[in-house]
Amino acid sequence: MPACLKCHGVTGNDIDRATSEKLQKFYPNDLATGYQLDDFRGLWKFEIETN
């Protein structure tokens, strides 16, 4: 299972109980769960170049 599904997957299937409880405590209005592999929500990529 990809690491992203451990917080953004299906509660009780991908997200374990302890993680689900913390997500509810710290992000009670968050809607970023229930995703499955290959679902796309968003992506950020940062690159730092040093010269």
N, C-alpha and C. Protein backbone atom coordinates (compact mmCIF):
# COMPACT_ATOMS: atom_id res chain seq x y z
N MET A 1 0.84 -1.17 0.00
CA MET A 1 0.00 0.00 0.00
C MET A 1 0.89 1.24 0.00
N PRO A 2 0.61 2.19 -0.87
CA PRO A 2 1.37 3.44 -0.87
C PRO A 2 1.17 4.20 0.44
N ALA A 3 2.19 4.91 0.85
CA ALA A 3 2.15 5.66 2.11
C ALA A 3 1.02 6.67 2.15
N CYS A 4 0.65 7.26 1.01
CA CYS A 4 -0.39 8.29 1.00
C CYS A 4 -1.74 7.75 1.48
N LEU A 5 -2.02 6.47 1.21
CA LEU A 5 -3.31 5.90 1.59
C LEU A 5 -3.43 5.67 3.09
N LYS A 6 -2.32 5.68 3.80
CA LYS A 6 -2.38 5.49 5.25
C LYS A 6 -3.09 6.64 5.95
N CYS A 7 -3.17 7.80 5.29
CA CYS A 7 -3.91 8.95 5.83
C CYS A 7 -5.06 9.37 4.93
N HIS A 8 -4.98 9.09 3.66
CA HIS A 8 -5.98 9.56 2.70
C HIS A 8 -6.84 8.45 2.12
N GLY A 9 -6.62 7.22 2.57
CA GLY A 9 -7.38 6.08 2.06
C GLY A 9 -8.73 5.92 2.73
N VAL A 10 -9.20 4.70 2.75
CA VAL A 10 -10.51 4.38 3.32
C VAL A 10 -10.33 4.01 4.79
N THR A 11 -11.07 4.70 5.67
CA THR A 11 -11.02 4.41 7.09
C THR A 11 -11.46 2.98 7.35
N GLY A 12 -10.70 2.28 8.18
CA GLY A 12 -11.01 0.89 8.50
C GLY A 12 -10.41 -0.09 7.52
N ASN A 13 -9.98 0.39 6.39
CA ASN A 13 -9.35 -0.48 5.40
C ASN A 13 -7.88 -0.09 5.25
N ASP A 14 -7.63 1.15 4.82
CA ASP A 14 -6.27 1.65 4.64
C ASP A 14 -5.78 2.42 5.86
N ILE A 15 -6.69 3.15 6.48
CA ILE A 15 -6.34 4.00 7.63
C ILE A 15 -6.65 3.21 8.91
N ASP A 16 -5.62 3.02 9.74
CA ASP A 16 -5.87 2.27 10.97
C ASP A 16 -6.60 3.14 11.99
N ARG A 17 -7.09 2.51 13.03
CA ARG A 17 -7.94 3.19 14.01
C ARG A 17 -7.22 4.35 14.70
N ALA A 18 -5.98 4.14 15.12
CA ALA A 18 -5.23 5.19 15.82
C ALA A 18 -5.03 6.41 14.93
N THR A 19 -4.70 6.18 13.67
CA THR A 19 -4.51 7.29 12.73
C THR A 19 -5.83 8.00 12.49
N SER A 20 -6.90 7.24 12.34
CA SER A 20 -8.21 7.83 12.11
C SER A 20 -8.62 8.73 13.27
N GLU A 21 -8.36 8.30 14.48
CA GLU A 21 -8.68 9.11 15.66
C GLU A 21 -7.90 10.41 15.68
N LYS A 22 -6.62 10.35 15.33
CA LYS A 22 -5.80 11.57 15.30
C LYS A 22 -6.25 12.51 14.19
N LEU A 23 -6.60 11.97 13.03
CA LEU A 23 -7.09 12.80 11.94
C LEU A 23 -8.37 13.54 12.36
N GLN A 24 -9.26 12.84 13.05
CA GLN A 24 -10.50 13.46 13.51
C GLN A 24 -10.23 14.53 14.56
N LYS A 25 -9.24 14.28 15.42
CA LYS A 25 -8.91 15.24 16.48
C LYS A 25 -8.29 16.52 15.90
N PHE A 26 -7.31 16.36 15.03
CA PHE A 26 -6.56 17.51 14.53
C PHE A 26 -7.18 18.15 13.28
N TYR A 27 -7.94 17.39 12.51
CA TYR A 27 -8.54 17.89 11.26
C TYR A 27 -10.01 17.47 11.20
N PRO A 28 -10.85 17.97 12.10
CA PRO A 28 -12.24 17.48 12.17
C PRO A 28 -13.08 17.76 10.92
N ASN A 29 -12.74 18.76 10.15
CA ASN A 29 -13.52 19.10 8.95
C ASN A 29 -12.85 18.67 7.65
N ASP A 30 -11.78 17.91 7.76
CA ASP A 30 -11.03 17.50 6.58
C ASP A 30 -11.82 16.49 5.74
N LEU A 31 -11.77 16.65 4.44
CA LEU A 31 -12.47 15.75 3.52
C LEU A 31 -11.50 14.96 2.65
N ALA A 32 -10.24 14.87 3.07
CA ALA A 32 -9.21 14.26 2.24
C ALA A 32 -9.01 12.78 2.54
N THR A 33 -10.09 12.05 2.82
CA THR A 33 -10.01 10.61 3.02
C THR A 33 -10.98 9.93 2.06
N GLY A 34 -10.87 8.62 1.98
CA GLY A 34 -11.75 7.87 1.11
C GLY A 34 -11.20 7.66 -0.29
N TYR A 35 -9.95 8.02 -0.48
CA TYR A 35 -9.33 7.86 -1.79
C TYR A 35 -8.81 6.45 -1.98
N GLN A 36 -8.70 6.05 -3.23
CA GLN A 36 -8.16 4.75 -3.60
C GLN A 36 -6.94 4.96 -4.47
N LEU A 37 -6.17 3.91 -4.65
CA LEU A 37 -4.99 3.96 -5.49
C LEU A 37 -5.37 4.47 -6.88
N ASP A 38 -4.61 5.40 -7.40
CA ASP A 38 -4.78 6.03 -8.71
C ASP A 38 -5.82 7.15 -8.73
N ASP A 39 -6.48 7.44 -7.59
CA ASP A 39 -7.32 8.64 -7.52
C ASP A 39 -6.38 9.84 -7.46
N PHE A 40 -6.79 10.93 -8.05
CA PHE A 40 -5.93 12.11 -8.09
C PHE A 40 -6.62 13.26 -7.38
N ARG A 41 -5.95 13.82 -6.41
CA ARG A 41 -6.47 14.98 -5.68
C ARG A 41 -5.64 16.22 -5.99
N GLY A 42 -4.37 16.10 -5.93
CA GLY A 42 -3.50 17.25 -6.17
C GLY A 42 -2.05 16.84 -5.96
N LEU A 43 -1.18 17.68 -6.42
CA LEU A 43 0.23 17.34 -6.31
C LEU A 43 1.06 18.61 -6.28
N TRP A 44 1.99 18.64 -5.39
CA TRP A 44 2.95 19.74 -5.33
C TRP A 44 4.34 19.14 -5.42
N LYS A 45 5.17 19.79 -6.19
CA LYS A 45 6.55 19.36 -6.30
C LYS A 45 7.43 20.58 -6.15
N PHE A 46 8.37 20.51 -5.25
CA PHE A 46 9.30 21.61 -5.03
C PHE A 46 10.69 21.15 -5.42
N GLU A 47 11.38 22.01 -6.09
CA GLU A 47 12.73 21.72 -6.50
C GLU A 47 13.60 22.90 -6.13
N ILE A 48 14.72 22.64 -5.49
CA ILE A 48 15.65 23.70 -5.12
C ILE A 48 16.94 23.47 -5.88
N GLU A 49 17.29 24.47 -6.64
CA GLU A 49 18.55 24.40 -7.39
C GLU A 49 19.60 25.20 -6.67
N THR A 50 20.77 24.64 -6.58
CA THR A 50 21.90 25.36 -6.01
C THR A 50 22.95 25.55 -7.09
N ASN A 51 23.47 26.71 -7.15
CA ASN A 51 24.51 27.00 -8.16
C ASN A 51 25.82 27.30 -7.51
